[in-house]
Amino acid sequence: MKDTENKKGKVVIVSGPSGVGKSTICKEVVKRLDNVYLSISVTTRPKSEPEVDGQDYWFISEQEFQERIDKGLLLEHADVFGHLYGTPRDKVEEAVREGKTVILEIDVQGAKQAKPRFPDAIMIFILPPTEKDLVERMDRRGREAVEVAEERLNGASSEIAAAWQYYKHMVINEDLQQAVDECVQIIEDSSNGS
């Protein structure tokens, strides 16, 4: 068996429209697999009531975000519905060097930036069973005004269309446990060279 220090880790990119359950799936995958690092993004959007700074996201100002871009500290970044999101480069690169599986929960824009840096990244796109299910999930989240929710829903259609071109694995989140099982299987299969 190879020494872990000599083994390079891998990157798993998980994307999908708002409200599809990406965060929940990623957190469950982390619980089920060993030696996994779930990347925490930085964002300029306001923190919602249940969120914890440094656990769900790092909430920073637009000025801080721009400084990180200028210094090359972000692996990828995107403007998503008027707020900036990005992935801290140092944490991801460190975890990969340590031989960990790094999960990036990012949107399609970010995935297009990250993929060239990690050409062997495992690309997983989470789909809702139907558009109606997605609308209901977004409503239940109750995070945003109606106009923003509509904008997110319109964005979902173009994200899903792009996903068929850029993502190798499509997972439908109709049953959460089954979706988690599928994601775990995809990651495990890639470790075994399947």
C-alpha atoms as a PDB file:
ATOM      1  CA  MET A   1       0.000   0.000   0.000  1.00  0.00           C
ATOM      2  CA  LYS A   2       1.315   3.439  -0.892  1.00  0.00           C
ATOM      3  CA  ASP A   3       2.303   5.940   1.732  1.00  0.00           C
ATOM      4  CA  THR A   4      -0.413   8.621   1.960  1.00  0.00           C
ATOM      5  CA  GLU A   5       2.160  11.413   1.884  1.00  0.00           C
ATOM      6  CA  ASN A   6       3.211  10.367  -1.634  1.00  0.00           C
ATOM      7  CA  LYS A   7      -0.340   9.977  -2.857  1.00  0.00           C
ATOM      8  CA  LYS A   8      -1.935  12.975  -4.500  1.00  0.00           C
ATOM      9  CA  GLY A   9      -5.543  13.571  -3.532  1.00  0.00           C
ATOM     10  CA  LYS A  10      -8.420  14.139  -5.875  1.00  0.00           C
ATOM     11  CA  VAL A  11     -10.968  16.852  -6.446  1.00  0.00           C
ATOM     12  CA  VAL A  12     -14.701  16.250  -6.670  1.00  0.00           C
ATOM     13  CA  ILE A  13     -16.779  19.102  -8.081  1.00  0.00           C
ATOM     14  CA  VAL A  14     -20.446  19.019  -7.052  1.00  0.00           C
ATOM     15  CA  SER A  15     -22.824  21.486  -8.692  1.00  0.00           C
ATOM     16  CA  GLY A  16     -26.530  21.933  -9.211  1.00  0.00           C
ATOM     17  CA  PRO A  17     -29.245  24.565  -9.119  1.00  0.00           C
ATOM     18  CA  SER A  18     -30.153  26.431  -5.922  1.00  0.00           C
ATOM     19  CA  GLY A  19     -32.387  24.390  -3.661  1.00  0.00           C
ATOM     20  CA  VAL A  20     -31.510  21.003  -5.166  1.00  0.00           C
ATOM     21  CA  GLY A  21     -29.832  19.744  -1.973  1.00  0.00           C
ATOM     22  CA  LYS A  22     -26.125  20.031  -2.842  1.00  0.00           C
ATOM     23  CA  SER A  23     -25.026  21.103   0.641  1.00  0.00           C
ATOM     24  CA  THR A  24     -26.939  18.328   2.368  1.00  0.00           C
ATOM     25  CA  ILE A  25     -25.587  15.708  -0.048  1.00  0.00           C
ATOM     26  CA  CYS A  26     -21.992  16.961   0.323  1.00  0.00           C
ATOM     27  CA  LYS A  27     -22.198  16.908   4.132  1.00  0.00           C
ATOM     28  CA  GLU A  28     -23.576  13.347   4.077  1.00  0.00           C
ATOM     29  CA  VAL A  29     -20.853  12.195   1.663  1.00  0.00           C
ATOM     30  CA  VAL A  30     -18.197  13.608   4.020  1.00  0.00           C
ATOM     31  CA  LYS A  31     -19.706  11.584   6.902  1.00  0.00           C
ATOM     32  CA  ARG A  32     -19.543   8.390   4.840  1.00  0.00           C
ATOM     33  CA  LEU A  33     -16.029   8.628   3.377  1.00  0.00           C
ATOM     34  CA  ASP A  34     -12.616   8.783   5.042  1.00  0.00           C
ATOM     35  CA  ASN A  35      -9.936  11.373   4.353  1.00  0.00           C
ATOM     36  CA  VAL A  36     -12.297  13.943   2.821  1.00  0.00           C
ATOM     37  CA  TYR A  37     -12.084  17.736   2.983  1.00  0.00           C
ATOM     38  CA  LEU A  38     -15.232  19.740   2.214  1.00  0.00           C
ATOM     39  CA  SER A  39     -14.101  23.122   0.922  1.00  0.00           C
ATOM     40  CA  ILE A  40     -15.815  26.118   2.515  1.00  0.00           C
ATOM     41  CA  SER A  41     -16.444  28.967   0.094  1.00  0.00           C
ATOM     42  CA  VAL A  42     -16.131  32.673   0.777  1.00  0.00           C
ATOM     43  CA  THR A  43     -19.116  34.842  -0.120  1.00  0.00           C
ATOM     44  CA  THR A  44     -20.276  38.425  -0.005  1.00  0.00           C
ATOM     45  CA  ARG A  45     -23.922  37.501   0.482  1.00  0.00           C
ATOM     46  CA  PRO A  46     -25.496  38.160   3.885  1.00  0.00           C
ATOM     47  CA  LYS A  47     -25.521  35.290   6.360  1.00  0.00           C
ATOM     48  CA  SER A  48     -28.951  33.728   6.859  1.00  0.00           C
ATOM     49  CA  GLU A  49     -30.240  32.947  10.352  1.00  0.00           C
ATOM     50  CA  PRO A  50     -29.196  29.277  10.696  1.00  0.00           C
ATOM     51  CA  GLU A  51     -25.813  29.649   8.959  1.00  0.00           C
ATOM     52  CA  VAL A  52     -22.514  29.677  10.833  1.00  0.00           C
ATOM     53  CA  ASP A  53     -19.540  31.758   9.642  1.00  0.00           C
ATOM     54  CA  GLY A  54     -16.614  29.454   8.894  1.00  0.00           C
ATOM     55  CA  GLN A  55     -18.825  26.381   8.803  1.00  0.00           C
ATOM     56  CA  ASP A  56     -21.345  27.044   6.010  1.00  0.00           C
ATOM     57  CA  TYR A  57     -19.411  29.859   4.298  1.00  0.00           C
ATOM     58  CA  TRP A  58     -16.844  32.465   5.183  1.00  0.00           C
ATOM     59  CA  PHE A  59     -18.863  35.699   5.005  1.00  0.00           C
ATOM     60  CA  ILE A  60     -16.654  38.591   3.881  1.00  0.00           C
ATOM     61  CA  SER A  61     -17.016  42.092   2.422  1.00  0.00           C
ATOM     62  CA  GLU A  62     -16.791  42.871  -1.288  1.00  0.00           C
ATOM     63  CA  GLN A  63     -13.519  44.699  -0.619  1.00  0.00           C
ATOM     64  CA  GLU A  64     -12.012  41.621   1.076  1.00  0.00           C
ATOM     65  CA  PHE A  65     -13.258  39.456  -1.800  1.00  0.00           C
ATOM     66  CA  GLN A  66     -11.653  41.736  -4.399  1.00  0.00           C
ATOM     67  CA  GLU A  67      -8.371  41.684  -2.448  1.00  0.00           C
ATOM     68  CA  ARG A  68      -8.404  37.875  -2.575  1.00  0.00           C
ATOM     69  CA  ILE A  69      -8.975  37.971  -6.351  1.00  0.00           C
ATOM     70  CA  ASP A  70      -6.161  40.518  -6.813  1.00  0.00           C
ATOM     71  CA  LYS A  71      -3.732  38.390  -4.768  1.00  0.00           C
ATOM     72  CA  GLY A  72      -4.655  35.182  -6.634  1.00  0.00           C
ATOM     73  CA  LEU A  73      -5.954  33.555  -3.459  1.00  0.00           C
ATOM     74  CA  LEU A  74      -9.097  32.093  -5.045  1.00  0.00           C
ATOM     75  CA  LEU A  75      -9.178  28.889  -7.081  1.00  0.00           C
ATOM     76  CA  GLU A  76     -12.366  30.074  -8.736  1.00  0.00           C
ATOM     77  CA  HIS A  77     -14.896  32.828  -8.235  1.00  0.00           C
ATOM     78  CA  ALA A  78     -18.223  33.855  -9.670  1.00  0.00           C
ATOM     79  CA  ASP A  79     -20.965  36.425  -9.387  1.00  0.00           C
ATOM     80  CA  VAL A  80     -24.115  34.481  -8.595  1.00  0.00           C
ATOM     81  CA  PHE A  81     -27.353  36.453  -8.438  1.00  0.00           C
ATOM     82  CA  GLY A  82     -25.576  39.635  -7.324  1.00  0.00           C
ATOM     83  CA  HIS A  83     -23.292  38.086  -4.710  1.00  0.00           C
ATOM     84  CA  LEU A  84     -19.705  36.921  -5.074  1.00  0.00           C
ATOM     85  CA  TYR A  85     -18.653  33.368  -4.235  1.00  0.00           C
ATOM     86  CA  GLY A  86     -15.174  31.865  -4.357  1.00  0.00           C
ATOM     87  CA  THR A  87     -13.038  28.920  -3.277  1.00  0.00           C
ATOM     88  CA  PRO A  88      -9.896  29.584  -1.202  1.00  0.00           C
ATOM     89  CA  ARG A  89      -7.002  28.151  -3.219  1.00  0.00           C
ATOM     90  CA  ASP A  90      -4.582  27.413  -0.351  1.00  0.00           C
ATOM     91  CA  LYS A  91      -6.892  25.060   1.584  1.00  0.00           C
ATOM     92  CA  VAL A  92      -7.783  23.034  -1.506  1.00  0.00           C
ATOM     93  CA  GLU A  93      -4.192  22.669  -2.714  1.00  0.00           C
ATOM     94  CA  GLU A  94      -2.994  21.727   0.789  1.00  0.00           C
ATOM     95  CA  ALA A  95      -5.679  19.028   1.153  1.00  0.00           C
ATOM     96  CA  VAL A  96      -4.855  17.588  -2.305  1.00  0.00           C
ATOM     97  CA  ARG A  97      -1.139  17.475  -1.392  1.00  0.00           C
ATOM     98  CA  GLU A  98      -2.098  15.589   1.789  1.00  0.00           C
ATOM     99  CA  GLY A  99      -3.820  12.948  -0.356  1.00  0.00           C
ATOM    100  CA  LYS A 100      -7.351  13.911   0.629  1.00  0.00           C
ATOM    101  CA  THR A 101     -10.471  13.834  -1.491  1.00  0.00           C
ATOM    102  CA  VAL A 102     -11.528  17.486  -1.764  1.00  0.00           C
ATOM    103  CA  ILE A 103     -15.179  18.264  -2.408  1.00  0.00           C
ATOM    104  CA  LEU A 104     -15.892  21.609  -4.048  1.00  0.00           C
ATOM    105  CA  GLU A 105     -19.565  22.556  -3.888  1.00  0.00           C
ATOM    106  CA  ILE A 106     -19.556  25.232  -6.575  1.00  0.00           C
ATOM    107  CA  ASP A 107     -21.716  26.453  -9.434  1.00  0.00           C
ATOM    108  CA  VAL A 108     -21.158  25.767 -13.123  1.00  0.00           C
ATOM    109  CA  GLN A 109     -19.262  29.069 -13.619  1.00  0.00           C
ATOM    110  CA  GLY A 110     -16.804  28.111 -10.895  1.00  0.00           C
ATOM    111  CA  ALA A 111     -16.518  24.536 -12.134  1.00  0.00           C
ATOM    112  CA  LYS A 112     -15.435  25.793 -15.573  1.00  0.00           C
ATOM    113  CA  GLN A 113     -12.610  27.739 -13.864  1.00  0.00           C
ATOM    114  CA  ALA A 114     -11.561  24.915 -11.523  1.00  0.00           C
ATOM    115  CA  LYS A 115     -11.604  22.050 -14.044  1.00  0.00           C
ATOM    116  CA  PRO A 116      -8.524  23.219 -16.033  1.00  0.00           C
ATOM    117  CA  ARG A 117      -6.573  23.420 -12.755  1.00  0.00           C
ATOM    118  CA  PHE A 118      -7.722  19.911 -11.804  1.00  0.00           C
ATOM    119  CA  PRO A 119      -8.284  18.130 -15.140  1.00  0.00           C
ATOM    120  CA  ASP A 120      -8.919  14.789 -13.400  1.00  0.00           C
ATOM    121  CA  ALA A 121     -11.649  16.258 -11.187  1.00  0.00           C
ATOM    122  CA  ILE A 122     -14.729  14.105 -10.753  1.00  0.00           C
ATOM    123  CA  MET A 123     -17.669  16.183 -12.021  1.00  0.00           C
ATOM    124  CA  ILE A 124     -21.069  15.504 -10.394  1.00  0.00           C
ATOM    125  CA  PHE A 125     -24.191  17.531 -11.154  1.00  0.00           C
ATOM    126  CA  ILE A 126     -27.208  17.204  -8.847  1.00  0.00           C
ATOM    127  CA  LEU A 127     -30.583  17.431 -10.569  1.00  0.00           C
ATOM    128  CA  PRO A 128     -34.062  17.854  -9.116  1.00  0.00           C
ATOM    129  CA  PRO A 129     -36.604  15.151 -10.062  1.00  0.00           C
ATOM    130  CA  THR A 130     -38.745  17.853 -11.728  1.00  0.00           C
ATOM    131  CA  GLU A 131     -38.861  21.629 -12.029  1.00  0.00           C
ATOM    132  CA  LYS A 132     -41.908  21.593  -9.744  1.00  0.00           C
ATOM    133  CA  ASP A 133     -39.866  19.841  -7.024  1.00  0.00           C
ATOM    134  CA  LEU A 134     -37.169  22.485  -7.345  1.00  0.00           C
ATOM    135  CA  VAL A 135     -39.715  25.304  -6.972  1.00  0.00           C
ATOM    136  CA  GLU A 136     -41.160  23.647  -3.848  1.00  0.00           C
ATOM    137  CA  ARG A 137     -37.704  23.170  -2.309  1.00  0.00           C
ATOM    138  CA  MET A 138     -36.793  26.793  -2.968  1.00  0.00           C
ATOM    139  CA  ASP A 139     -40.071  27.905  -1.386  1.00  0.00           C
ATOM    140  CA  ARG A 140     -39.409  25.793   1.711  1.00  0.00           C
ATOM    141  CA  ARG A 141     -35.966  27.342   2.115  1.00  0.00           C
ATOM    142  CA  GLY A 142     -37.656  30.745   2.293  1.00  0.00           C
ATOM    143  CA  ARG A 143     -34.321  32.543   1.992  1.00  0.00           C
ATOM    144  CA  GLU A 144     -35.113  35.102  -0.652  1.00  0.00           C
ATOM    145  CA  ALA A 145     -37.652  37.457  -2.094  1.00  0.00           C
ATOM    146  CA  VAL A 146     -39.923  36.245  -4.898  1.00  0.00           C
ATOM    147  CA  GLU A 147     -37.940  38.137  -7.574  1.00  0.00           C
ATOM    148  CA  VAL A 148     -34.675  36.515  -6.490  1.00  0.00           C
ATOM    149  CA  ALA A 149     -36.292  33.067  -6.350  1.00  0.00           C
ATOM    150  CA  GLU A 150     -37.601  33.544  -9.907  1.00  0.00           C
ATOM    151  CA  GLU A 151     -34.148  34.644 -11.068  1.00  0.00           C
ATOM    152  CA  ARG A 152     -32.625  31.535  -9.455  1.00  0.00           C
ATOM    153  CA  LEU A 153     -35.195  29.297 -11.126  1.00  0.00           C
ATOM    154  CA  ASN A 154     -34.468  30.853 -14.538  1.00  0.00           C
ATOM    155  CA  GLY A 155     -30.745  30.389 -13.874  1.00  0.00           C
ATOM    156  CA  ALA A 156     -31.350  26.729 -13.014  1.00  0.00           C
ATOM    157  CA  SER A 157     -32.506  25.984 -16.565  1.00  0.00           C
ATOM    158  CA  SER A 158     -29.318  27.343 -18.132  1.00  0.00           C
ATOM    159  CA  GLU A 159     -27.166  25.612 -15.485  1.00  0.00           C
ATOM    160  CA  ILE A 160     -28.833  22.270 -16.201  1.00  0.00           C
ATOM    161  CA  ALA A 161     -28.344  22.754 -19.950  1.00  0.00           C
ATOM    162  CA  ALA A 162     -24.625  23.514 -19.423  1.00  0.00           C
ATOM    163  CA  ALA A 163     -24.244  20.556 -17.062  1.00  0.00           C
ATOM    164  CA  TRP A 164     -24.947  18.018 -19.805  1.00  0.00           C
ATOM    165  CA  GLN A 165     -21.873  19.359 -21.610  1.00  0.00           C
ATOM    166  CA  TYR A 166     -19.412  19.671 -18.693  1.00  0.00           C
ATOM    167  CA  TYR A 167     -20.339  16.996 -16.144  1.00  0.00           C
ATOM    168  CA  LYS A 168     -19.699  13.270 -16.458  1.00  0.00           C
ATOM    169  CA  HIS A 169     -22.055  12.234 -13.639  1.00  0.00           C
ATOM    170  CA  MET A 170     -25.684  13.322 -13.218  1.00  0.00           C
ATOM    171  CA  VAL A 171     -27.424  12.412  -9.957  1.00  0.00           C
ATOM    172  CA  ILE A 172     -31.152  12.998  -9.453  1.00  0.00           C
ATOM    173  CA  ASN A 173     -31.989  13.989  -5.887  1.00  0.00           C
ATOM    174  CA  GLU A 174     -35.449  12.487  -5.603  1.00  0.00           C
ATOM    175  CA  ASP A 175     -34.535  10.379  -2.572  1.00  0.00           C
ATOM    176  CA  LEU A 176     -31.751  11.953  -0.469  1.00  0.00           C
ATOM    177  CA  GLN A 177     -30.232   8.677   0.744  1.00  0.00           C
ATOM    178  CA  GLN A 178     -30.131   7.257  -2.766  1.00  0.00           C
ATOM    179  CA  ALA A 179     -28.504  10.452  -4.095  1.00  0.00           C
ATOM    180  CA  VAL A 180     -25.864  10.285  -1.338  1.00  0.00           C
ATOM    181  CA  ASP A 181     -25.269   6.584  -2.095  1.00  0.00           C
ATOM    182  CA  GLU A 182     -24.792   7.372  -5.799  1.00  0.00           C
ATOM    183  CA  CYS A 183     -22.300  10.170  -5.066  1.00  0.00           C
ATOM    184  CA  VAL A 184     -20.328   7.956  -2.670  1.00  0.00           C
ATOM    185  CA  GLN A 185     -20.259   5.180  -5.293  1.00  0.00           C
ATOM    186  CA  ILE A 186     -19.032   7.573  -8.014  1.00  0.00           C
ATOM    187  CA  ILE A 187     -16.190   8.796  -5.763  1.00  0.00           C
ATOM    188  CA  GLU A 188     -15.255   5.275  -4.629  1.00  0.00           C
ATOM    189  CA  ASP A 189     -15.294   3.951  -8.210  1.00  0.00           C
ATOM    190  CA  SER A 190     -12.944   6.723  -9.307  1.00  0.00           C
ATOM    191  CA  SER A 191     -10.560   5.752  -6.497  1.00  0.00           C
ATOM    192  CA  ASN A 192     -10.512   2.206  -7.777  1.00  0.00           C
ATOM    193  CA  GLY A 193      -9.827   3.357 -11.330  1.00  0.00           C
ATOM    194  CA  SER A 194     -13.293   2.511 -12.682  1.00  0.00           C
END
